[in-house]
């Protein structure tokens, strides 16, 4: 798993990956063991 260009870790199938997200817009990208990728844009907002 990557957030922007930063590697944030790996997880098993159907397992969550937790990381300390920073407020702002991010692209989250995953790469599997066959080199296939997918990504999503997310927005992290501060809690009140």
Foldseek 3Di string as FASTA:
>chain_A
DDKANHDQDDDDVPDDDDDDDDAAKIKDKDADPVRDMDIDIDGDDDDD
